[in-house]
Amino acid sequence: MAKDFLNVIERALMMGLSDKINSAVTGDIYVHGQFPAGEDMKFPSLIVQQVSSGFEEKFHGDNITFGSSSTQSSGEVYGMNFQVHIIVDKDTEITIGSDVYKQRRLVNWLMLNIANSIMEIDWSVYEEEELEILERHLASWRDVGYIEAVQWYGATADFEIYFLNKR
């Protein structure tokens, strides 16, 4: 039976992102694993949403060597796709260093620093089981803008994470 890699990676991604981003700001950036109910929404919010997963690459004979072990097992490269949503309301202010960021400037700062944070996560800090992340990619930022009806600024990123799935 395969280990619970999907949940391990999802939790590690949320914790790693929260730790990195919140260590750089004065105030709180709220990280969620799903869209919070309207009355529970706090700003700025980052929503980490797993949107797909599946086999990326099968190996000839299904044999893989995991980490530093010389033992061969059956497995494959497995991939997960995440969307990371940024939502900032018009009144949110976050202090970064001695500067105050808000609205579109805050969204721009978050976009760059979320991408950097995900690429720099040390998975060994958050892993609960043996885990080998092979690649991570930011596919794109999209839907960058402002929704006037609710006075929210936001953006959405598509991230891909590939890992060795040992069965």
N, C-alpha and C. Protein backbone atom coordinates (compact mmCIF):
# COMPACT_ATOMS: atom_id res chain seq x y z
N MET A 1 0.85 -1.17 0.00
CA MET A 1 0.00 0.00 0.00
C MET A 1 0.90 1.24 0.00
N ALA A 2 0.57 2.21 -0.82
CA ALA A 2 1.35 3.45 -0.90
C ALA A 2 1.16 4.28 0.37
N LYS A 3 2.20 5.01 0.72
CA LYS A 3 2.10 5.90 1.87
C LYS A 3 1.18 7.07 1.52
N ASP A 4 0.81 7.85 2.50
CA ASP A 4 -0.14 8.95 2.35
C ASP A 4 0.55 10.23 1.84
N PHE A 5 1.27 10.10 0.71
CA PHE A 5 2.07 11.21 0.22
C PHE A 5 1.24 12.44 -0.15
N LEU A 6 0.05 12.27 -0.69
CA LEU A 6 -0.75 13.43 -1.11
C LEU A 6 -1.08 14.33 0.07
N ASN A 7 -1.50 13.74 1.18
CA ASN A 7 -1.81 14.56 2.36
C ASN A 7 -0.56 15.12 3.01
N VAL A 8 0.53 14.34 3.02
CA VAL A 8 1.79 14.82 3.59
C VAL A 8 2.26 16.05 2.82
N ILE A 9 2.24 15.99 1.49
CA ILE A 9 2.70 17.11 0.66
C ILE A 9 1.78 18.31 0.81
N GLU A 10 0.48 18.09 0.82
CA GLU A 10 -0.46 19.20 0.96
C GLU A 10 -0.25 19.94 2.29
N ARG A 11 -0.12 19.20 3.38
CA ARG A 11 0.10 19.82 4.69
C ARG A 11 1.46 20.53 4.74
N ALA A 12 2.49 19.88 4.20
CA ALA A 12 3.84 20.48 4.19
C ALA A 12 3.85 21.76 3.36
N LEU A 13 3.15 21.75 2.25
CA LEU A 13 3.08 22.94 1.41
C LEU A 13 2.43 24.10 2.16
N MET A 14 1.32 23.83 2.83
CA MET A 14 0.62 24.88 3.59
C MET A 14 1.47 25.38 4.76
N MET A 15 2.08 24.47 5.51
CA MET A 15 2.89 24.88 6.67
C MET A 15 4.15 25.61 6.22
N GLY A 16 4.82 25.08 5.19
CA GLY A 16 6.04 25.72 4.69
C GLY A 16 5.77 27.10 4.16
N LEU A 17 4.68 27.24 3.42
CA LEU A 17 4.29 28.55 2.88
C LEU A 17 3.96 29.53 4.00
N SER A 18 3.20 29.10 4.98
CA SER A 18 2.83 29.95 6.11
C SER A 18 4.07 30.37 6.89
N ASP A 19 4.96 29.43 7.19
CA ASP A 19 6.17 29.74 7.96
C ASP A 19 7.04 30.76 7.23
N LYS A 20 7.28 30.55 5.94
CA LYS A 20 8.16 31.44 5.18
C LYS A 20 7.56 32.84 5.04
N ILE A 21 6.32 32.91 4.62
CA ILE A 21 5.68 34.22 4.38
C ILE A 21 5.51 34.98 5.69
N ASN A 22 5.03 34.31 6.73
CA ASN A 22 4.78 35.01 7.99
C ASN A 22 6.06 35.42 8.71
N SER A 23 7.18 34.79 8.40
CA SER A 23 8.44 35.21 9.03
C SER A 23 8.97 36.51 8.42
N ALA A 24 8.44 36.91 7.28
CA ALA A 24 8.92 38.12 6.60
C ALA A 24 8.06 39.35 6.84
N VAL A 25 6.92 39.19 7.51
CA VAL A 25 5.97 40.30 7.66
C VAL A 25 5.67 40.58 9.13
N THR A 26 5.18 41.79 9.37
CA THR A 26 4.61 42.12 10.67
C THR A 26 3.11 42.05 10.50
N GLY A 27 2.47 41.18 11.22
CA GLY A 27 1.04 40.90 11.03
C GLY A 27 0.90 39.44 10.63
N ASP A 28 -0.30 39.04 10.27
CA ASP A 28 -0.56 37.65 9.90
C ASP A 28 -1.06 37.55 8.47
N ILE A 29 -0.53 36.55 7.76
CA ILE A 29 -1.05 36.14 6.47
C ILE A 29 -1.72 34.79 6.76
N TYR A 30 -3.00 34.67 6.48
CA TYR A 30 -3.76 33.47 6.82
C TYR A 30 -3.70 32.47 5.67
N VAL A 31 -3.30 31.23 5.97
CA VAL A 31 -3.17 30.18 4.97
C VAL A 31 -4.23 29.12 5.25
N HIS A 32 -5.02 28.80 4.22
CA HIS A 32 -6.13 27.85 4.34
C HIS A 32 -5.96 26.70 3.34
N GLY A 33 -6.49 25.56 3.68
CA GLY A 33 -6.50 24.41 2.78
C GLY A 33 -7.75 24.33 1.93
N GLN A 34 -8.68 25.21 2.17
CA GLN A 34 -9.91 25.31 1.37
C GLN A 34 -10.45 26.71 1.55
N PHE A 35 -11.40 27.09 0.71
CA PHE A 35 -11.96 28.43 0.83
C PHE A 35 -12.74 28.53 2.13
N PRO A 36 -12.39 29.50 2.98
CA PRO A 36 -13.13 29.66 4.24
C PRO A 36 -14.54 30.21 3.97
N ALA A 37 -15.44 29.94 4.90
CA ALA A 37 -16.78 30.51 4.80
C ALA A 37 -16.67 32.03 4.86
N GLY A 38 -17.57 32.71 4.23
CA GLY A 38 -17.52 34.17 4.16
C GLY A 38 -17.34 34.86 5.49
N GLU A 39 -18.06 34.40 6.51
CA GLU A 39 -17.97 35.04 7.83
C GLU A 39 -16.65 34.72 8.53
N ASP A 40 -15.94 33.70 8.08
CA ASP A 40 -14.65 33.32 8.68
C ASP A 40 -13.45 33.89 7.93
N MET A 41 -13.69 34.63 6.86
CA MET A 41 -12.62 35.15 6.02
C MET A 41 -11.84 36.23 6.74
N LYS A 42 -10.51 36.08 6.77
CA LYS A 42 -9.61 37.09 7.32
C LYS A 42 -8.62 37.45 6.22
N PHE A 43 -8.13 38.66 6.24
CA PHE A 43 -7.26 39.12 5.16
C PHE A 43 -5.90 39.52 5.70
N PRO A 44 -4.87 39.34 4.89
CA PRO A 44 -4.86 38.68 3.58
C PRO A 44 -4.93 37.16 3.74
N SER A 45 -5.58 36.52 2.78
CA SER A 45 -5.75 35.07 2.81
C SER A 45 -5.02 34.43 1.64
N LEU A 46 -4.40 33.29 1.92
CA LEU A 46 -3.84 32.43 0.89
C LEU A 46 -4.59 31.11 0.99
N ILE A 47 -5.15 30.67 -0.12
CA ILE A 47 -5.87 29.41 -0.15
C ILE A 47 -5.06 28.45 -1.02
N VAL A 48 -4.65 27.32 -0.44
CA VAL A 48 -3.89 26.29 -1.14
C VAL A 48 -4.88 25.20 -1.51
N GLN A 49 -5.12 25.02 -2.79
CA GLN A 49 -6.16 24.11 -3.26
C GLN A 49 -5.54 23.05 -4.17
N GLN A 50 -5.61 21.78 -3.74
CA GLN A 50 -5.16 20.71 -4.63
C GLN A 50 -6.23 20.52 -5.70
N VAL A 51 -5.84 20.60 -6.97
CA VAL A 51 -6.83 20.51 -8.04
C VAL A 51 -6.70 19.26 -8.90
N SER A 52 -5.54 18.57 -8.84
CA SER A 52 -5.43 17.31 -9.58
C SER A 52 -4.18 16.56 -9.14
N SER A 53 -4.15 15.28 -9.49
CA SER A 53 -2.97 14.46 -9.23
C SER A 53 -3.03 13.24 -10.14
N GLY A 54 -1.88 12.63 -10.33
CA GLY A 54 -1.85 11.42 -11.14
C GLY A 54 -0.45 11.05 -11.56
N PHE A 55 -0.33 9.93 -12.26
CA PHE A 55 0.96 9.44 -12.71
C PHE A 55 1.56 10.40 -13.73
N GLU A 56 2.80 10.74 -13.53
CA GLU A 56 3.52 11.58 -14.48
C GLU A 56 4.40 10.71 -15.37
N GLU A 57 5.08 9.74 -14.77
CA GLU A 57 6.00 8.92 -15.54
C GLU A 57 6.11 7.53 -14.92
N LYS A 58 5.90 6.51 -15.73
CA LYS A 58 6.08 5.14 -15.29
C LYS A 58 7.49 4.70 -15.69
N PHE A 59 8.12 3.88 -14.86
CA PHE A 59 9.46 3.40 -15.15
C PHE A 59 9.39 2.02 -15.77
N HIS A 60 10.33 1.74 -16.64
CA HIS A 60 10.41 0.42 -17.27
C HIS A 60 10.52 -0.64 -16.18
N GLY A 61 9.61 -1.56 -16.15
CA GLY A 61 9.60 -2.60 -15.14
C GLY A 61 9.09 -2.13 -13.79
N ASP A 62 8.69 -0.87 -13.70
CA ASP A 62 8.15 -0.28 -12.46
C ASP A 62 9.13 -0.31 -11.30
N ASN A 63 10.43 -0.45 -11.55
CA ASN A 63 11.40 -0.51 -10.46
C ASN A 63 12.02 0.86 -10.21
N ILE A 64 12.06 1.26 -8.94
CA ILE A 64 12.68 2.51 -8.55
C ILE A 64 13.56 2.26 -7.34
N THR A 65 14.56 3.11 -7.17
CA THR A 65 15.38 3.13 -5.97
C THR A 65 15.03 4.41 -5.25
N PHE A 66 14.71 4.30 -3.98
CA PHE A 66 14.17 5.43 -3.22
C PHE A 66 15.25 6.04 -2.36
N GLY A 67 15.54 7.33 -2.56
CA GLY A 67 16.49 8.04 -1.72
C GLY A 67 17.86 7.39 -1.74
N SER A 68 18.47 7.23 -0.57
CA SER A 68 19.81 6.66 -0.47
C SER A 68 19.76 5.13 -0.35
N SER A 69 18.57 4.57 -0.31
CA SER A 69 18.43 3.12 -0.19
C SER A 69 18.80 2.44 -1.51
N SER A 70 19.38 1.28 -1.45
CA SER A 70 19.70 0.53 -2.67
C SER A 70 18.61 -0.50 -2.97
N THR A 71 17.60 -0.56 -2.12
CA THR A 71 16.49 -1.50 -2.31
C THR A 71 15.57 -1.00 -3.40
N GLN A 72 15.27 -1.88 -4.34
CA GLN A 72 14.35 -1.48 -5.41
C GLN A 72 12.92 -1.83 -5.03
N SER A 73 12.02 -0.96 -5.40
CA SER A 73 10.60 -1.16 -5.16
C SER A 73 9.86 -0.80 -6.43
N SER A 74 8.58 -1.11 -6.47
CA SER A 74 7.80 -0.66 -7.61
C SER A 74 7.26 0.72 -7.30
N GLY A 75 7.14 1.54 -8.31
CA GLY A 75 6.66 2.89 -8.13
C GLY A 75 6.77 3.70 -9.40
N GLU A 76 6.56 5.00 -9.28
CA GLU A 76 6.56 5.90 -10.43
C GLU A 76 6.70 7.33 -9.93
N VAL A 77 6.88 8.23 -10.90
CA VAL A 77 6.83 9.65 -10.58
C VAL A 77 5.35 10.04 -10.60
N TYR A 78 4.91 10.65 -9.54
CA TYR A 78 3.52 11.06 -9.38
C TYR A 78 3.50 12.58 -9.30
N GLY A 79 2.49 13.19 -9.84
CA GLY A 79 2.41 14.64 -9.83
C GLY A 79 1.15 15.14 -9.15
N MET A 80 1.26 16.35 -8.61
CA MET A 80 0.11 17.02 -8.00
C MET A 80 0.06 18.44 -8.54
N ASN A 81 -1.13 18.92 -8.80
CA ASN A 81 -1.30 20.31 -9.22
C ASN A 81 -2.06 21.05 -8.13
N PHE A 82 -1.54 22.24 -7.81
CA PHE A 82 -2.15 23.09 -6.80
C PHE A 82 -2.46 24.45 -7.41
N GLN A 83 -3.51 25.05 -6.92
CA GLN A 83 -3.74 26.46 -7.16
C GLN A 83 -3.57 27.17 -5.82
N VAL A 84 -2.85 28.26 -5.85
CA VAL A 84 -2.69 29.09 -4.67
C VAL A 84 -3.37 30.42 -4.99
N HIS A 85 -4.39 30.74 -4.21
CA HIS A 85 -5.17 31.96 -4.41
C HIS A 85 -4.76 32.99 -3.36
N ILE A 86 -4.56 34.21 -3.80
CA ILE A 86 -4.30 35.34 -2.90
C ILE A 86 -5.56 36.19 -2.90
N ILE A 87 -6.04 36.54 -1.70
CA ILE A 87 -7.18 37.46 -1.60
C ILE A 87 -6.84 38.50 -0.54
N VAL A 88 -6.90 39.76 -0.96
CA VAL A 88 -6.60 40.89 -0.09
C VAL A 88 -7.76 41.88 -0.21
N ASP A 89 -8.28 42.32 0.92
CA ASP A 89 -9.35 43.33 0.82
C ASP A 89 -8.73 44.73 0.77
N LYS A 90 -9.54 45.72 0.48
CA LYS A 90 -9.03 47.08 0.25
C LYS A 90 -8.42 47.70 1.50
N ASP A 91 -8.77 47.22 2.69
CA ASP A 91 -8.28 47.82 3.93
C ASP A 91 -7.06 47.12 4.53
N THR A 92 -6.66 45.98 3.99
CA THR A 92 -5.55 45.22 4.55
C THR A 92 -4.23 45.97 4.39
N GLU A 93 -3.47 46.03 5.47
CA GLU A 93 -2.12 46.60 5.44
C GLU A 93 -1.18 45.63 6.14
N ILE A 94 -0.05 45.36 5.52
CA ILE A 94 0.97 44.50 6.11
C ILE A 94 2.29 45.27 6.07
N THR A 95 3.02 45.23 7.19
CA THR A 95 4.32 45.89 7.25
C THR A 95 5.40 44.88 6.93
N ILE A 96 6.24 45.26 5.97
CA ILE A 96 7.36 44.43 5.54
C ILE A 96 8.60 45.31 5.66
N GLY A 97 9.46 44.97 6.62
CA GLY A 97 10.58 45.88 6.94
C GLY A 97 10.00 47.14 7.54
N SER A 98 10.29 48.28 6.93
CA SER A 98 9.73 49.54 7.41
C SER A 98 8.66 50.07 6.47
N ASP A 99 8.30 49.31 5.44
CA ASP A 99 7.31 49.74 4.45
C ASP A 99 5.95 49.10 4.71
N VAL A 100 4.91 49.85 4.43
CA VAL A 100 3.55 49.34 4.54
C VAL A 100 3.06 48.98 3.14
N TYR A 101 2.60 47.74 3.00
CA TYR A 101 2.09 47.26 1.72
C TYR A 101 0.59 47.06 1.85
N LYS A 102 -0.14 47.43 0.80
CA LYS A 102 -1.58 47.20 0.76
C LYS A 102 -2.04 47.09 -0.67
N GLN A 103 -3.23 46.58 -0.84
CA GLN A 103 -3.91 46.44 -2.11
C GLN A 103 -3.02 45.78 -3.17
N ARG A 104 -2.92 46.36 -4.35
CA ARG A 104 -2.20 45.72 -5.46
C ARG A 104 -0.71 45.55 -5.14
N ARG A 105 -0.10 46.47 -4.44
CA ARG A 105 1.32 46.34 -4.08
C ARG A 105 1.53 45.11 -3.19
N LEU A 106 0.62 44.87 -2.27
CA LEU A 106 0.70 43.70 -1.40
C LEU A 106 0.52 42.42 -2.22
N VAL A 107 -0.43 42.42 -3.14
CA VAL A 107 -0.63 41.24 -4.00
C VAL A 107 0.64 40.95 -4.80
N ASN A 108 1.26 41.99 -5.36
CA ASN A 108 2.49 41.78 -6.13
C ASN A 108 3.60 41.19 -5.26
N TRP A 109 3.75 41.72 -4.03
CA TRP A 109 4.77 41.20 -3.12
C TRP A 109 4.48 39.74 -2.79
N LEU A 110 3.22 39.43 -2.51
CA LEU A 110 2.84 38.06 -2.19
C LEU A 110 3.09 37.11 -3.37
N MET A 111 2.78 37.55 -4.58
CA MET A 111 2.99 36.70 -5.75
C MET A 111 4.45 36.25 -5.85
N LEU A 112 5.36 37.19 -5.76
CA LEU A 112 6.78 36.86 -5.88
C LEU A 112 7.25 36.01 -4.71
N ASN A 113 6.84 36.36 -3.50
CA ASN A 113 7.33 35.66 -2.33
C ASN A 113 6.68 34.30 -2.11
N ILE A 114 5.47 34.10 -2.57
CA ILE A 114 4.86 32.77 -2.54
C ILE A 114 5.63 31.85 -3.49
N ALA A 115 5.91 32.33 -4.69
CA ALA A 115 6.67 31.53 -5.65
C ALA A 115 8.04 31.17 -5.08
N ASN A 116 8.74 32.15 -4.52
CA ASN A 116 10.05 31.89 -3.93
C ASN A 116 9.94 30.92 -2.76
N SER A 117 8.94 31.10 -1.92
CA SER A 117 8.78 30.25 -0.74
C SER A 117 8.55 28.80 -1.12
N ILE A 118 7.70 28.56 -2.10
CA ILE A 118 7.42 27.18 -2.52
C ILE A 118 8.66 26.54 -3.11
N MET A 119 9.44 27.30 -3.87
CA MET A 119 10.66 26.74 -4.46
C MET A 119 11.72 26.47 -3.40
N GLU A 120 11.66 27.15 -2.26
CA GLU A 120 12.68 27.02 -1.22
C GLU A 120 12.27 26.12 -0.05
N ILE A 121 11.08 25.56 -0.07
CA ILE A 121 10.64 24.73 1.06
C ILE A 121 11.61 23.57 1.25
N ASP A 122 12.06 23.39 2.48
CA ASP A 122 12.87 22.24 2.85
C ASP A 122 11.89 21.16 3.31
N TRP A 123 11.59 20.24 2.42
CA TRP A 123 10.55 19.24 2.68
C TRP A 123 10.89 18.36 3.88
N SER A 124 12.18 18.20 4.18
CA SER A 124 12.56 17.34 5.30
C SER A 124 12.07 17.90 6.64
N VAL A 125 11.85 19.21 6.71
CA VAL A 125 11.34 19.83 7.93
C VAL A 125 9.90 19.40 8.19
N TYR A 126 9.13 19.22 7.13
CA TYR A 126 7.69 18.98 7.27
C TYR A 126 7.26 17.54 6.98
N GLU A 127 8.16 16.74 6.42
CA GLU A 127 7.73 15.39 6.04
C GLU A 127 7.40 14.55 7.26
N GLU A 128 6.39 13.76 7.11
CA GLU A 128 5.98 12.85 8.18
C GLU A 128 6.44 11.43 7.86
N GLU A 129 6.76 11.21 6.62
CA GLU A 129 7.21 9.90 6.17
C GLU A 129 8.28 10.15 5.11
N GLU A 130 8.95 9.08 4.71
CA GLU A 130 9.97 9.20 3.67
C GLU A 130 9.34 9.84 2.43
N LEU A 131 9.96 10.91 1.96
CA LEU A 131 9.39 11.68 0.85
C LEU A 131 10.52 12.19 -0.02
N GLU A 132 10.39 12.03 -1.31
CA GLU A 132 11.40 12.54 -2.24
C GLU A 132 10.71 13.40 -3.29
N ILE A 133 10.79 14.73 -3.11
CA ILE A 133 10.25 15.68 -4.08
C ILE A 133 11.26 15.78 -5.20
N LEU A 134 10.83 15.57 -6.42
CA LEU A 134 11.74 15.60 -7.56
C LEU A 134 11.77 16.97 -8.23
N GLU A 135 10.60 17.58 -8.42
CA GLU A 135 10.51 18.87 -9.11
C GLU A 135 9.33 19.66 -8.59
N ARG A 136 9.44 20.98 -8.72
CA ARG A 136 8.32 21.89 -8.46
C ARG A 136 8.38 22.98 -9.52
N HIS A 137 7.23 23.35 -10.02
CA HIS A 137 7.18 24.35 -11.08
C HIS A 137 6.02 25.31 -10.84
N LEU A 138 6.29 26.58 -11.04
CA LEU A 138 5.23 27.58 -11.11
C LEU A 138 4.83 27.65 -12.57
N ALA A 139 3.61 27.23 -12.89
CA ALA A 139 3.15 27.28 -14.28
C ALA A 139 2.83 28.72 -14.67
N SER A 140 2.10 29.45 -13.82
CA SER A 140 1.78 30.84 -14.14
C SER A 140 0.98 31.49 -13.02
N TRP A 141 1.03 32.81 -13.00
CA TRP A 141 0.09 33.60 -12.21
C TRP A 141 -0.96 34.09 -13.19
N ARG A 142 -2.20 34.04 -12.79
CA ARG A 142 -3.29 34.48 -13.68
C ARG A 142 -4.38 35.12 -12.82
N ASP A 143 -5.37 35.65 -13.48
CA ASP A 143 -6.49 36.30 -12.80
C ASP A 143 -6.02 37.34 -11.79
N VAL A 144 -4.95 38.05 -12.13
CA VAL A 144 -4.43 39.10 -11.27
C VAL A 144 -5.34 40.31 -11.47
N GLY A 145 -5.93 40.79 -10.37
CA GLY A 145 -6.81 41.92 -10.56
C GLY A 145 -7.60 42.32 -9.33
N TYR A 146 -8.70 43.01 -9.60
CA TYR A 146 -9.52 43.63 -8.57
C TYR A 146 -10.98 43.32 -8.87
N ILE A 147 -11.72 42.94 -7.82
CA ILE A 147 -13.16 42.70 -7.96
C ILE A 147 -13.86 43.85 -7.24
N GLU A 148 -14.40 44.75 -7.99
CA GLU A 148 -14.98 45.97 -7.42
C GLU A 148 -16.18 45.68 -6.51
N ALA A 149 -17.00 44.70 -6.85
CA ALA A 149 -18.22 44.42 -6.08
C ALA A 149 -17.91 44.09 -4.61
N VAL A 150 -16.79 43.41 -4.34
CA VAL A 150 -16.44 43.05 -2.96
C VAL A 150 -15.18 43.79 -2.48
N GLN A 151 -14.58 44.56 -3.37
CA GLN A 151 -13.38 45.34 -3.10
C GLN A 151 -12.22 44.46 -2.64
N TRP A 152 -12.00 43.38 -3.41
CA TRP A 152 -10.90 42.47 -3.16
C TRP A 152 -9.90 42.55 -4.30
N TYR A 153 -8.63 42.46 -3.94
CA TYR A 153 -7.54 42.30 -4.90
C TYR A 153 -7.12 40.85 -4.82
N GLY A 154 -6.63 40.29 -5.93
CA GLY A 154 -6.23 38.90 -5.86
C GLY A 154 -5.46 38.42 -7.06
N ALA A 155 -5.03 37.18 -6.97
CA ALA A 155 -4.31 36.48 -8.03
C ALA A 155 -4.37 34.99 -7.74
N THR A 156 -4.16 34.19 -8.77
CA THR A 156 -4.14 32.73 -8.64
C THR A 156 -2.91 32.18 -9.34
N ALA A 157 -2.22 31.27 -8.67
CA ALA A 157 -1.04 30.61 -9.26
C ALA A 157 -1.33 29.14 -9.46
N ASP A 158 -0.76 28.58 -10.51
CA ASP A 158 -0.80 27.15 -10.76
C ASP A 158 0.59 26.59 -10.49
N PHE A 159 0.68 25.64 -9.55
CA PHE A 159 1.94 25.00 -9.20
C PHE A 159 1.84 23.51 -9.46
N GLU A 160 2.96 22.93 -9.89
CA GLU A 160 3.07 21.48 -10.08
C GLU A 160 4.17 20.97 -9.17
N ILE A 161 3.92 19.86 -8.51
CA ILE A 161 4.91 19.22 -7.64
C ILE A 161 4.97 17.74 -8.02
N TYR A 162 6.20 17.24 -8.26
CA TYR A 162 6.40 15.85 -8.67
C TYR A 162 7.22 15.14 -7.59
N PHE A 163 6.82 13.93 -7.26
CA PHE A 163 7.53 13.17 -6.22
C PHE A 163 7.59 11.71 -6.62
N LEU A 164 8.48 10.98 -5.94
CA LEU A 164 8.63 9.55 -6.17
C LEU A 164 7.58 8.82 -5.31
N ASN A 165 6.75 8.05 -5.97
CA ASN A 165 5.71 7.29 -5.29
C ASN A 165 6.14 5.83 -5.23
N LYS A 166 6.50 5.40 -4.04
CA LYS A 166 6.95 4.03 -3.82
C LYS A 166 5.79 3.20 -3.30
N ARG A 167 5.54 2.07 -3.95
CA ARG A 167 4.46 1.19 -3.52
C ARG A 167 4.98 -0.02 -2.81
